[in-house]
Amino acid sequence: MLNLAEREEEILRYWKENKVPEKVREKNKNGKKYYFLDGPPNAYGLAMHHMWVISVKDIMLKFMRYQGRNVHDRPGFDVHG
C-alpha cells in the first residue's frame, strides 16, 4: 500500500538533494516577470477556507514557473500590529 508520508519525504529529499527550486529559478531568470505579493496572515487564525486560498495561490505560482516565468513571490506582512 502507498504510504503518502514516506513518499512525501522521498520527494522532498530528492528536491533538496538535486536543488530543484534553485535550478528552476536559474532556468527562468530571463523569463517574463511575474510578481506576486501575498497578503498578511489573518489575525483570526487558520480556517478551512484559508487553506483553500493558500492552495490556489501555490498552484498558480507553480503554474507560472512551469510556464517559464521569472516568478517573484513575496509574503506580505502586517505593519499595523
Protein backbone atom coordinates (compact mmCIF):
# COMPACT_ATOMS: atom_id res chain seq x y z
CA MET A 1 0.00 0.00 0.00
CA LEU A 2 1.18 3.52 -0.78
CA ASN A 3 2.41 5.38 2.28
CA LEU A 4 1.91 9.06 1.45
CA ALA A 5 4.01 10.33 4.37
CA GLU A 6 7.02 8.27 3.25
CA ARG A 7 6.50 9.25 -0.39
CA GLU A 8 6.38 12.93 0.54
CA GLU A 9 9.66 12.60 2.45
CA GLU A 10 11.28 10.92 -0.58
CA ILE A 11 10.14 13.67 -2.92
CA LEU A 12 11.24 16.47 -0.58
CA ARG A 13 14.63 14.79 -0.10
CA TYR A 14 15.03 14.46 -3.90
CA TRP A 15 14.18 18.14 -4.42
CA LYS A 16 16.65 19.20 -1.72
CA GLU A 17 19.49 16.92 -2.87
CA ASN A 18 19.07 17.92 -6.52
CA LYS A 19 18.40 21.61 -5.78
CA VAL A 20 15.28 21.59 -7.94
CA PRO A 21 13.87 25.00 -6.87
CA GLU A 22 17.23 26.69 -7.45
CA LYS A 23 17.53 25.11 -10.92
CA VAL A 24 14.01 26.22 -11.89
CA ARG A 25 14.72 29.79 -10.77
CA GLU A 26 18.01 29.80 -12.69
CA LYS A 27 16.31 28.44 -15.83
CA ASN A 28 13.59 31.10 -15.65
CA LYS A 29 15.72 34.10 -14.64
CA ASN A 30 15.37 35.70 -18.10
CA GLY A 31 11.70 34.78 -18.50
CA LYS A 32 8.82 37.21 -18.45
CA LYS A 33 8.49 38.59 -14.92
CA TYR A 34 5.56 37.65 -12.72
CA TYR A 35 5.33 39.44 -9.37
CA PHE A 36 3.09 38.16 -6.60
CA LEU A 37 2.71 39.88 -3.22
CA ASP A 38 0.70 37.78 -0.81
CA GLY A 39 -1.41 39.44 1.86
CA PRO A 40 -0.55 39.24 5.55
CA PRO A 41 -1.62 36.28 7.68
CA ASN A 42 -5.10 36.52 9.11
CA ALA A 43 -5.30 37.55 12.76
CA TYR A 44 -8.16 35.11 13.36
CA GLY A 45 -6.07 32.00 12.80
CA LEU A 46 -6.18 29.36 10.10
CA ALA A 47 -9.59 28.16 8.91
CA MET A 48 -10.54 25.74 6.13
CA HIS A 49 -11.25 28.49 3.61
CA HIS A 50 -7.74 29.88 4.26
CA MET A 51 -6.26 26.51 3.35
CA TRP A 52 -8.17 26.60 0.05
CA VAL A 53 -6.87 30.08 -0.81
CA ILE A 54 -3.29 29.14 0.15
CA SER A 55 -3.52 26.08 -2.11
CA VAL A 56 -4.86 28.07 -5.06
CA LYS A 57 -2.05 30.63 -4.71
CA ASP A 58 0.56 27.88 -4.53
CA ILE A 59 -0.82 26.19 -7.65
CA MET A 60 -0.87 29.49 -9.55
CA LEU A 61 2.74 30.30 -8.68
CA LYS A 62 3.90 26.81 -9.68
CA PHE A 63 1.96 27.06 -12.95
CA MET A 64 3.66 30.35 -13.76
CA ARG A 65 7.08 28.84 -13.03
CA TYR A 66 6.32 25.86 -15.25
CA GLN A 67 5.35 28.31 -17.98
CA GLY A 68 8.89 29.73 -17.82
CA ARG A 69 8.03 32.91 -15.94
CA ASN A 70 10.51 34.58 -13.62
CA VAL A 71 8.32 34.48 -10.51
CA HIS A 72 8.98 36.78 -7.57
CA ASP A 73 6.68 35.68 -4.78
CA ARG A 74 6.83 37.61 -1.57
CA PRO A 75 4.87 37.00 1.61
CA GLY A 76 3.06 40.02 2.98
CA PHE A 77 3.34 41.32 6.50
CA ASP A 78 1.22 43.28 8.93
CA VAL A 79 2.65 46.70 9.72
CA HIS A 80 -0.31 47.71 11.90
CA GLY A 81 0.05 45.10 14.66
